[in-house]
């Protein structure tokens, strides 16, 4: 069985990414691997049909 992180950590990853934090900085702050951060951001972007490069921008 694959290791999973808690939903609270996933939410933190996505919030910090939207604020413009780098994957490396998010990983360091949350104590997880940088590639894990990347994977969860990519999965969220795919679900929402968004691009993965850079932070998500708010549009009116």
PDB file of N, CA and C in Angstrom:
ATOM      1  N   UNK A   1       0.842  -1.180   0.000  1.00  0.00           N
ATOM      2  CA  UNK A   1       0.000   0.000   0.000  1.00  0.00           C
ATOM      3  C   UNK A   1       0.887   1.243   0.000  1.00  0.00           C
ATOM      4  N   UNK A   2       0.509   2.219  -0.767  1.00  0.00           N
ATOM      5  CA  UNK A   2       1.296   3.442  -0.880  1.00  0.00           C
ATOM      6  C   UNK A   2       1.109   4.319   0.360  1.00  0.00           C
ATOM      7  N   UNK A   3       2.149   5.072   0.660  1.00  0.00           N
ATOM      8  CA  UNK A   3       2.038   6.024   1.762  1.00  0.00           C
ATOM      9  C   UNK A   3       1.176   7.197   1.313  1.00  0.00           C
ATOM     10  N   UNK A   4       0.390   7.710   2.209  1.00  0.00           N
ATOM     11  CA  UNK A   4      -0.482   8.839   1.918  1.00  0.00           C
ATOM     12  C   UNK A   4      -0.259   9.917   2.969  1.00  0.00           C
ATOM     13  N   UNK A   5      -0.432  11.164   2.559  1.00  0.00           N
ATOM     14  CA  UNK A   5      -0.344  12.246   3.538  1.00  0.00           C
ATOM     15  C   UNK A   5      -1.757  12.697   3.881  1.00  0.00           C
ATOM     16  N   UNK A   6      -1.882  13.309   5.026  1.00  0.00           N
ATOM     17  CA  UNK A   6      -3.192  13.739   5.495  1.00  0.00           C
ATOM     18  C   UNK A   6      -3.759  14.845   4.617  1.00  0.00           C
ATOM     19  N   UNK A   7      -5.074  14.913   4.561  1.00  0.00           N
ATOM     20  CA  UNK A   7      -5.750  15.913   3.733  1.00  0.00           C
ATOM     21  C   UNK A   7      -5.372  17.326   4.169  1.00  0.00           C
ATOM     22  N   UNK A   8      -5.127  17.538   5.439  1.00  0.00           N
ATOM     23  CA  UNK A   8      -4.725  18.861   5.922  1.00  0.00           C
ATOM     24  C   UNK A   8      -3.401  19.292   5.297  1.00  0.00           C
ATOM     25  N   UNK A   9      -2.488  18.335   5.104  1.00  0.00           N
ATOM     26  CA  UNK A   9      -1.198  18.640   4.487  1.00  0.00           C
ATOM     27  C   UNK A   9      -1.394  18.957   3.011  1.00  0.00           C
ATOM     28  N   UNK A  10      -2.266  18.194   2.342  1.00  0.00           N
ATOM     29  CA  UNK A  10      -2.559  18.462   0.933  1.00  0.00           C
ATOM     30  C   UNK A  10      -3.147  19.863   0.783  1.00  0.00           C
ATOM     31  N   UNK A  11      -4.080  20.213   1.647  1.00  0.00           N
ATOM     32  CA  UNK A  11      -4.665  21.555   1.612  1.00  0.00           C
ATOM     33  C   UNK A  11      -3.598  22.619   1.826  1.00  0.00           C
ATOM     34  N   UNK A  12      -2.680  22.380   2.745  1.00  0.00           N
ATOM     35  CA  UNK A  12      -1.593  23.328   3.001  1.00  0.00           C
ATOM     36  C   UNK A  12      -0.710  23.492   1.771  1.00  0.00           C
ATOM     37  N   UNK A  13      -0.408  22.384   1.109  1.00  0.00           N
ATOM     38  CA  UNK A  13       0.400  22.440  -0.118  1.00  0.00           C
ATOM     39  C   UNK A  13      -0.263  23.350  -1.136  1.00  0.00           C
ATOM     40  N   UNK A  14      -1.550  23.145  -1.359  1.00  0.00           N
ATOM     41  CA  UNK A  14      -2.255  23.903  -2.398  1.00  0.00           C
ATOM     42  C   UNK A  14      -2.388  25.381  -2.036  1.00  0.00           C
ATOM     43  N   UNK A  15      -2.638  25.676  -0.769  1.00  0.00           N
ATOM     44  CA  UNK A  15      -2.741  27.073  -0.336  1.00  0.00           C
ATOM     45  C   UNK A  15      -1.403  27.784  -0.510  1.00  0.00           C
ATOM     46  N   UNK A  16      -0.331  27.149  -0.075  1.00  0.00           N
ATOM     47  CA  UNK A  16       0.984  27.777  -0.178  1.00  0.00           C
ATOM     48  C   UNK A  16       1.399  27.939  -1.644  1.00  0.00           C
ATOM     49  N   UNK A  17       1.045  26.980  -2.481  1.00  0.00           N
ATOM     50  CA  UNK A  17       1.350  27.093  -3.906  1.00  0.00           C
ATOM     51  C   UNK A  17       0.601  28.287  -4.519  1.00  0.00           C
ATOM     52  N   UNK A  18      -0.661  28.453  -4.153  1.00  0.00           N
ATOM     53  CA  UNK A  18      -1.435  29.598  -4.653  1.00  0.00           C
ATOM     54  C   UNK A  18      -0.842  30.932  -4.194  1.00  0.00           C
ATOM     55  N   UNK A  19      -0.190  30.916  -3.049  1.00  0.00           N
ATOM     56  CA  UNK A  19       0.447  32.137  -2.538  1.00  0.00           C
ATOM     57  C   UNK A  19       1.786  32.421  -3.212  1.00  0.00           C
ATOM     58  N   UNK A  20       2.206  31.522  -4.107  1.00  0.00           N
ATOM     59  CA  UNK A  20       3.426  31.753  -4.863  1.00  0.00           C
ATOM     60  C   UNK A  20       4.673  31.122  -4.286  1.00  0.00           C
ATOM     61  N   UNK A  21       4.524  30.265  -3.288  1.00  0.00           N
ATOM     62  CA  UNK A  21       5.679  29.611  -2.698  1.00  0.00           C
ATOM     63  C   UNK A  21       6.235  28.584  -3.677  1.00  0.00           C
ATOM     64  N   UNK A  22       7.551  28.377  -3.659  1.00  0.00           N
ATOM     65  CA  UNK A  22       8.183  27.371  -4.503  1.00  0.00           C
ATOM     66  C   UNK A  22       7.935  25.985  -3.909  1.00  0.00           C
ATOM     67  N   UNK A  23       8.063  24.958  -4.763  1.00  0.00           N
ATOM     68  CA  UNK A  23       7.917  23.589  -4.285  1.00  0.00           C
ATOM     69  C   UNK A  23       8.934  23.289  -3.196  1.00  0.00           C
ATOM     70  N   UNK A  24      10.145  23.778  -3.380  1.00  0.00           N
ATOM     71  CA  UNK A  24      11.208  23.530  -2.405  1.00  0.00           C
ATOM     72  C   UNK A  24      10.869  24.149  -1.053  1.00  0.00           C
ATOM     73  N   UNK A  25      10.363  25.369  -1.069  1.00  0.00           N
ATOM     74  CA  UNK A  25      10.027  26.046   0.189  1.00  0.00           C
ATOM     75  C   UNK A  25       8.861  25.352   0.889  1.00  0.00           C
ATOM     76  N   UNK A  26       7.842  24.958   0.113  1.00  0.00           N
ATOM     77  CA  UNK A  26       6.702  24.243   0.687  1.00  0.00           C
ATOM     78  C   UNK A  26       7.181  22.944   1.331  1.00  0.00           C
ATOM     79  N   UNK A  27       8.012  22.202   0.613  1.00  0.00           N
ATOM     80  CA  UNK A  27       8.516  20.930   1.132  1.00  0.00           C
ATOM     81  C   UNK A  27       9.285  21.126   2.427  1.00  0.00           C
ATOM     82  N   UNK A  28      10.125  22.129   2.466  1.00  0.00           N
ATOM     83  CA  UNK A  28      10.927  22.401   3.664  1.00  0.00           C
ATOM     84  C   UNK A  28      10.029  22.761   4.847  1.00  0.00           C
ATOM     85  N   UNK A  29       9.030  23.606   4.621  1.00  0.00           N
ATOM     86  CA  UNK A  29       8.144  24.029   5.706  1.00  0.00           C
ATOM     87  C   UNK A  29       7.275  22.895   6.245  1.00  0.00           C
ATOM     88  N   UNK A  30       6.823  22.009   5.349  1.00  0.00           N
ATOM     89  CA  UNK A  30       5.912  20.942   5.766  1.00  0.00           C
ATOM     90  C   UNK A  30       6.634  19.642   6.106  1.00  0.00           C
ATOM     91  N   UNK A  31       7.946  19.577   5.824  1.00  0.00           N
ATOM     92  CA  UNK A  31       8.716  18.387   6.162  1.00  0.00           C
ATOM     93  C   UNK A  31       8.418  17.202   5.258  1.00  0.00           C
ATOM     94  N   UNK A  32       8.138  17.478   3.984  1.00  0.00           N
ATOM     95  CA  UNK A  32       7.880  16.420   3.018  1.00  0.00           C
ATOM     96  C   UNK A  32       8.815  16.598   1.828  1.00  0.00           C
ATOM     97  N   UNK A  33       8.841  15.637   0.926  1.00  0.00           N
ATOM     98  CA  UNK A  33       9.735  15.676  -0.222  1.00  0.00           C
ATOM     99  C   UNK A  33       9.203  16.639  -1.282  1.00  0.00           C
ATOM    100  N   UNK A  34      10.111  17.299  -1.968  1.00  0.00           N
ATOM    101  CA  UNK A  34       9.749  18.269  -3.007  1.00  0.00           C
ATOM    102  C   UNK A  34       8.934  17.624  -4.123  1.00  0.00           C
ATOM    103  N   UNK A  35       9.269  16.402  -4.494  1.00  0.00           N
ATOM    104  CA  UNK A  35       8.522  15.713  -5.545  1.00  0.00           C
ATOM    105  C   UNK A  35       7.102  15.378  -5.106  1.00  0.00           C
ATOM    106  N   UNK A  36       6.904  15.187  -3.814  1.00  0.00           N
ATOM    107  CA  UNK A  36       5.558  14.959  -3.292  1.00  0.00           C
ATOM    108  C   UNK A  36       4.720  16.214  -3.473  1.00  0.00           C
ATOM    109  N   UNK A  37       5.320  17.362  -3.189  1.00  0.00           N
ATOM    110  CA  UNK A  37       4.626  18.640  -3.385  1.00  0.00           C
ATOM    111  C   UNK A  37       4.231  18.776  -4.854  1.00  0.00           C
ATOM    112  N   UNK A  38       5.168  18.515  -5.736  1.00  0.00           N
ATOM    113  CA  UNK A  38       4.915  18.628  -7.165  1.00  0.00           C
ATOM    114  C   UNK A  38       3.769  17.720  -7.601  1.00  0.00           C
ATOM    115  N   UNK A  39       3.773  16.494  -7.101  1.00  0.00           N
ATOM    116  CA  UNK A  39       2.741  15.524  -7.486  1.00  0.00           C
ATOM    117  C   UNK A  39       1.349  15.994  -7.076  1.00  0.00           C
ATOM    118  N   UNK A  40       1.200  16.512  -5.860  1.00  0.00           N
ATOM    119  CA  UNK A  40      -0.117  16.943  -5.401  1.00  0.00           C
ATOM    120  C   UNK A  40      -0.580  18.207  -6.115  1.00  0.00           C
ATOM    121  N   UNK A  41       0.332  19.103  -6.453  1.00  0.00           N
ATOM    122  CA  UNK A  41      -0.036  20.298  -7.219  1.00  0.00           C
ATOM    123  C   UNK A  41      -0.492  19.889  -8.617  1.00  0.00           C
ATOM    124  N   UNK A  42       0.240  18.972  -9.247  1.00  0.00           N
ATOM    125  CA  UNK A  42      -0.143  18.491 -10.591  1.00  0.00           C
ATOM    126  C   UNK A  42      -1.506  17.813 -10.568  1.00  0.00           C
ATOM    127  N   UNK A  43      -1.757  16.985  -9.549  1.00  0.00           N
ATOM    128  CA  UNK A  43      -3.045  16.301  -9.452  1.00  0.00           C
ATOM    129  C   UNK A  43      -4.190  17.290  -9.285  1.00  0.00           C
ATOM    130  N   UNK A  44      -3.989  18.289  -8.460  1.00  0.00           N
ATOM    131  CA  UNK A  44      -5.029  19.297  -8.248  1.00  0.00           C
ATOM    132  C   UNK A  44      -5.275  20.085  -9.524  1.00  0.00           C
ATOM    133  N   UNK A  45      -4.207  20.418 -10.232  1.00  0.00           N
ATOM    134  CA  UNK A  45      -4.341  21.167 -11.480  1.00  0.00           C
ATOM    135  C   UNK A  45      -5.084  20.351 -12.528  1.00  0.00           C
ATOM    136  N   UNK A  46      -4.803  19.057 -12.585  1.00  0.00           N
ATOM    137  CA  UNK A  46      -5.472  18.188 -13.551  1.00  0.00           C
ATOM    138  C   UNK A  46      -6.968  18.090 -13.253  1.00  0.00           C
ATOM    139  N   UNK A  47      -7.311  18.016 -11.972  1.00  0.00           N
ATOM    140  CA  UNK A  47      -8.721  17.949 -11.599  1.00  0.00           C
ATOM    141  C   UNK A  47      -9.453  19.227 -11.968  1.00  0.00           C
ATOM    142  N   UNK A  48      -8.749  20.347 -11.880  1.00  0.00           N
ATOM    143  CA  UNK A  48      -9.371  21.642 -12.156  1.00  0.00           C
ATOM    144  C   UNK A  48      -9.138  22.117 -13.585  1.00  0.00           C
ATOM    145  N   UNK A  49      -8.354  21.357 -14.354  1.00  0.00           N
ATOM    146  CA  UNK A  49      -8.082  21.725 -15.733  1.00  0.00           C
ATOM    147  C   UNK A  49      -7.210  22.947 -15.869  1.00  0.00           C
ATOM    148  N   UNK A  50      -6.268  23.112 -14.953  1.00  0.00           N
ATOM    149  CA  UNK A  50      -5.390  24.283 -14.958  1.00  0.00           C
ATOM    150  C   UNK A  50      -3.973  23.883 -15.311  1.00  0.00           C
ATOM    151  N   UNK A  51      -3.188  24.874 -15.686  1.00  0.00           N
ATOM    152  CA  UNK A  51      -1.770  24.642 -15.930  1.00  0.00           C
ATOM    153  C   UNK A  51      -1.060  24.495 -14.590  1.00  0.00           C
ATOM    154  N   UNK A  52       0.131  23.871 -14.617  1.00  0.00           N
ATOM    155  CA  UNK A  52       0.840  23.606 -13.362  1.00  0.00           C
ATOM    156  C   UNK A  52       2.000  24.545 -13.114  1.00  0.00           C
ATOM    157  N   UNK A  53       2.425  25.305 -14.120  1.00  0.00           N
ATOM    158  CA  UNK A  53       3.584  26.175 -13.904  1.00  0.00           C
ATOM    159  C   UNK A  53       3.149  27.467 -13.253  1.00  0.00           C
ATOM    160  N   UNK A  54       3.768  27.772 -12.138  1.00  0.00           N
ATOM    161  CA  UNK A  54       3.477  29.014 -11.423  1.00  0.00           C
ATOM    162  C   UNK A  54       2.236  28.898 -10.568  1.00  0.00           C
ATOM    163  N   UNK A  55       2.024  29.896  -9.746  1.00  0.00           N
ATOM    164  CA  UNK A  55       0.865  29.885  -8.848  1.00  0.00           C
ATOM    165  C   UNK A  55      -0.428  30.116  -9.606  1.00  0.00           C
ATOM    166  N   UNK A  56      -1.500  29.623  -9.036  1.00  0.00           N
ATOM    167  CA  UNK A  56      -2.825  29.836  -9.620  1.00  0.00           C
ATOM    168  C   UNK A  56      -3.216  31.298  -9.410  1.00  0.00           C
ATOM    169  N   UNK A  57      -3.671  31.935 -10.459  1.00  0.00           N
ATOM    170  CA  UNK A  57      -4.030  33.353 -10.365  1.00  0.00           C
ATOM    171  C   UNK A  57      -5.529  33.511 -10.227  1.00  0.00           C
ATOM    172  N   UNK A  58      -5.933  34.432  -9.397  1.00  0.00           N
ATOM    173  CA  UNK A  58      -7.356  34.746  -9.258  1.00  0.00           C
ATOM    174  C   UNK A  58      -7.783  35.659 -10.387  1.00  0.00           C
ATOM    175  N   UNK A  59      -8.858  35.288 -11.026  1.00  0.00           N
ATOM    176  CA  UNK A  59      -9.362  36.116 -12.129  1.00  0.00           C
ATOM    177  C   UNK A  59     -10.798  36.519 -11.820  1.00  0.00           C
ATOM    178  N   UNK A  60     -11.151  37.751 -12.116  1.00  0.00           N
ATOM    179  CA  UNK A  60     -12.525  38.201 -11.840  1.00  0.00           C
ATOM    180  C   UNK A  60     -13.541  37.540 -12.729  1.00  0.00           C
TER     181      UNK A  60
END
